[in-house]
């Protein structure tokens, strides 16, 4: 997986820089999301790895499936990826593009898992507190996991805050066994 990300990084950076220069970050985000989804369809995967098709044929088939949703710059990216046999990297390119976009927009997606459903007012307070703590605009999504017993588990990018009862009990047990 790390190797795929390494291969996808220059393409994602180039796409981001082109989108940023054109002021089309959201449009590019939408186009790359579509392209990533198309690249993961069974029929398209078979076409992309087929040795019988040339790079031009693969790119044309890909662009035909996406239709009018891709602008000329995105079609150019598809052609470059096809020429370099990198069309299968589109999911990683899209993921890295979204990372760059979130960094530019000073936003972060936060996933909060709790033992019980959070009230709307509490979700708003939590989002504001996390926004102040992380110094970013927070997009909050919540889920329920009864095995946490109580408290919450917060994931924001690669940051994890484990304030669950289950997590605290695990730390206590580890301390007692040491």
Protein backbone atom coordinates (compact mmCIF):
# COMPACT_ATOMS: atom_id res chain seq x y z
CA UNK A 1 0.00 0.00 0.00
CA UNK A 2 2.81 2.42 0.83
CA UNK A 3 4.35 1.72 -2.57
CA UNK A 4 1.09 2.63 -4.33
CA UNK A 5 0.89 5.86 -2.37
CA UNK A 6 4.47 6.68 -3.31
CA UNK A 7 3.67 6.10 -6.99
CA UNK A 8 0.45 8.14 -6.77
CA UNK A 9 1.96 11.11 -4.90
CA UNK A 10 3.41 13.07 -7.88
CA UNK A 11 0.19 12.69 -9.88
CA UNK A 12 -1.94 13.82 -6.94
CA UNK A 13 0.33 16.79 -6.33
CA UNK A 14 0.23 17.80 -10.01
CA UNK A 15 -3.56 17.48 -10.09
CA UNK A 16 -3.88 19.50 -6.90
CA UNK A 17 -1.59 22.26 -8.18
CA UNK A 18 -3.50 22.45 -11.47
CA UNK A 19 -6.85 22.54 -9.66
CA UNK A 20 -5.63 25.14 -7.18
CA UNK A 21 -4.20 27.38 -9.93
CA UNK A 22 -7.49 27.19 -11.83
CA UNK A 23 -9.55 27.73 -8.66
CA UNK A 24 -11.36 24.44 -9.26
CA UNK A 25 -10.56 22.37 -6.17
CA UNK A 26 -14.13 21.10 -5.72
CA UNK A 27 -14.58 20.35 -9.42
CA UNK A 28 -11.35 18.36 -9.45
CA UNK A 29 -12.37 16.61 -6.26
CA UNK A 30 -15.60 15.53 -7.92
CA UNK A 31 -13.84 14.42 -11.12
CA UNK A 32 -11.22 12.40 -9.24
CA UNK A 33 -13.89 10.80 -7.06
CA UNK A 34 -15.73 9.70 -10.19
CA UNK A 35 -12.53 8.49 -11.87
CA UNK A 36 -11.51 6.54 -8.76
CA UNK A 37 -14.93 4.88 -8.62
CA UNK A 38 -14.81 3.99 -12.32
CA UNK A 39 -11.31 2.54 -11.96
CA UNK A 40 -12.56 0.13 -9.29
CA UNK A 41 -15.37 -1.39 -11.34
CA UNK A 42 -14.79 -5.03 -12.31
CA UNK A 43 -15.11 -4.49 -16.05
CA UNK A 44 -12.82 -1.47 -16.00
CA UNK A 45 -10.21 -3.28 -13.90
CA UNK A 46 -10.08 -6.04 -16.52
CA UNK A 47 -9.68 -3.48 -19.30
CA UNK A 48 -6.97 -1.53 -17.44
CA UNK A 49 -4.79 -4.57 -16.82
CA UNK A 50 -5.40 -6.15 -20.22
CA UNK A 51 -2.20 -6.52 -22.23
CA UNK A 52 -4.27 -6.66 -25.42
CA UNK A 53 -5.21 -2.95 -25.19
CA UNK A 54 -2.84 -0.08 -25.90
CA UNK A 55 -2.50 2.86 -23.52
CA UNK A 56 -4.53 5.01 -25.93
CA UNK A 57 -7.34 2.43 -26.03
CA UNK A 58 -7.41 2.20 -22.24
CA UNK A 59 -7.52 5.98 -21.88
CA UNK A 60 -10.26 6.31 -24.51
CA UNK A 61 -12.37 3.59 -22.87
CA UNK A 62 -11.92 5.24 -19.49
CA UNK A 63 -12.84 8.71 -20.75
CA UNK A 64 -15.84 7.29 -22.63
CA UNK A 65 -17.18 5.73 -19.43
CA UNK A 66 -16.75 9.00 -17.50
CA UNK A 67 -18.50 10.93 -20.26
CA UNK A 68 -18.80 14.70 -20.04
CA UNK A 69 -17.93 14.73 -16.32
CA UNK A 70 -14.20 15.19 -17.04
CA UNK A 71 -12.81 18.47 -18.31
CA UNK A 72 -9.89 18.71 -20.76
CA UNK A 73 -7.29 18.84 -17.98
CA UNK A 74 -8.69 15.72 -16.32
CA UNK A 75 -8.73 13.92 -19.68
CA UNK A 76 -5.07 14.91 -20.06
CA UNK A 77 -4.34 13.40 -16.63
CA UNK A 78 -6.09 10.17 -17.68
CA UNK A 79 -3.97 10.07 -20.85
CA UNK A 80 -0.75 10.59 -18.88
CA UNK A 81 -1.74 7.90 -16.38
CA UNK A 82 -2.55 5.51 -19.22
CA UNK A 83 0.77 6.21 -20.96
CA UNK A 84 2.61 5.41 -17.73
CA UNK A 85 0.39 2.40 -16.90
CA UNK A 86 -0.86 4.09 -13.73
CA UNK A 87 -4.65 4.23 -14.21
CA UNK A 88 -5.09 1.71 -11.39
CA UNK A 89 -3.61 4.33 -9.01
CA UNK A 90 -6.66 6.61 -9.30
CA UNK A 91 -8.08 5.67 -5.85
CA UNK A 92 -4.77 6.58 -4.19
CA UNK A 93 -4.47 9.75 -6.28
CA UNK A 94 -7.97 10.78 -5.24
CA UNK A 95 -7.21 10.09 -1.58
CA UNK A 96 -4.00 12.15 -1.67
CA UNK A 97 -5.76 14.95 -3.56
CA UNK A 98 -8.41 15.10 -0.83
CA UNK A 99 -5.67 15.27 1.79
CA UNK A 100 -4.05 18.25 0.02
CA UNK A 101 -7.47 19.88 -0.40
CA UNK A 102 -8.27 19.50 3.30
CA UNK A 103 -4.88 20.97 4.22
CA UNK A 104 -5.50 23.97 1.98
CA UNK A 105 -9.02 24.49 3.28
CA UNK A 106 -7.91 24.04 6.89
CA UNK A 107 -10.51 21.33 7.44
CA UNK A 108 -10.50 17.86 8.88
CA UNK A 109 -12.97 14.97 8.98
CA UNK A 110 -13.49 13.74 12.52
CA UNK A 111 -15.12 10.41 13.35
CA UNK A 112 -16.51 10.11 16.87
CA UNK A 113 -17.55 6.69 18.17
CA UNK A 114 -19.57 6.63 21.38
CA UNK A 115 -21.35 4.01 23.44
CA UNK A 116 -24.65 5.89 23.07
CA UNK A 117 -26.20 8.21 20.48
CA UNK A 118 -25.06 11.84 20.86
CA UNK A 119 -27.70 14.58 20.98
CA UNK A 120 -27.46 17.28 18.30
CA UNK A 121 -26.54 19.96 20.84
CA UNK A 122 -23.73 17.82 22.24
CA UNK A 123 -22.45 17.12 18.72
CA UNK A 124 -22.31 20.87 18.04
CA UNK A 125 -20.41 21.52 21.28
CA UNK A 126 -17.99 18.70 20.51
CA UNK A 127 -17.42 19.98 16.95
CA UNK A 128 -16.67 23.49 18.27
CA UNK A 129 -14.29 22.17 20.94
CA UNK A 130 -12.45 19.96 18.42
CA UNK A 131 -12.29 22.83 15.94
CA UNK A 132 -10.60 25.02 18.55
CA UNK A 133 -8.27 22.20 19.65
CA UNK A 134 -7.25 21.18 16.12
CA UNK A 135 -7.28 24.74 14.73
CA UNK A 136 -9.25 23.55 11.73
CA UNK A 137 -12.82 23.46 10.49
CA UNK A 138 -14.27 20.15 11.67
CA UNK A 139 -16.66 17.92 9.75
CA UNK A 140 -18.08 15.58 12.40
CA UNK A 141 -19.50 12.12 11.81
CA UNK A 142 -20.71 9.91 14.64
CA UNK A 143 -21.30 6.23 15.16
CA UNK A 144 -22.36 4.04 18.07
CA UNK A 145 -20.37 1.10 19.47
CA UNK A 146 -21.95 -0.42 22.58
CA UNK A 147 -18.70 -2.25 23.43
CA UNK A 148 -17.09 1.06 24.46
CA UNK A 149 -19.23 0.98 27.64
CA UNK A 150 -19.02 4.79 27.93
CA UNK A 151 -16.98 7.79 26.83
CA UNK A 152 -15.86 8.35 23.27
CA UNK A 153 -13.23 7.41 20.71
CA UNK A 154 -12.24 10.33 18.46
CA UNK A 155 -10.34 9.92 15.17
CA UNK A 156 -9.12 13.00 13.28
CA UNK A 157 -6.76 11.98 10.49
CA UNK A 158 -3.92 10.09 12.16
CA UNK A 159 -4.78 11.47 15.62
CA UNK A 160 -6.76 9.16 17.92
CA UNK A 161 -8.13 10.24 21.28
CA UNK A 162 -9.36 7.27 23.30
CA UNK A 163 -11.60 8.56 26.09
CA UNK A 164 -13.67 5.38 26.24
CA UNK A 165 -14.26 3.37 29.38
CA UNK A 166 -13.00 0.30 27.53
CA UNK A 167 -9.75 2.10 26.66
CA UNK A 168 -9.27 3.32 30.21
CA UNK A 169 -9.87 -0.17 31.61
CA UNK A 170 -7.33 -1.59 29.17
CA UNK A 171 -4.74 0.99 30.31
CA UNK A 172 -5.48 0.21 33.95
CA UNK A 173 -5.09 -3.54 33.34
CA UNK A 174 -1.80 -2.94 31.53
CA UNK A 175 -0.52 -0.79 34.41
CA UNK A 176 -1.51 -3.44 36.95
CA UNK A 177 0.25 -6.20 34.99
CA UNK A 178 3.48 -4.21 34.64
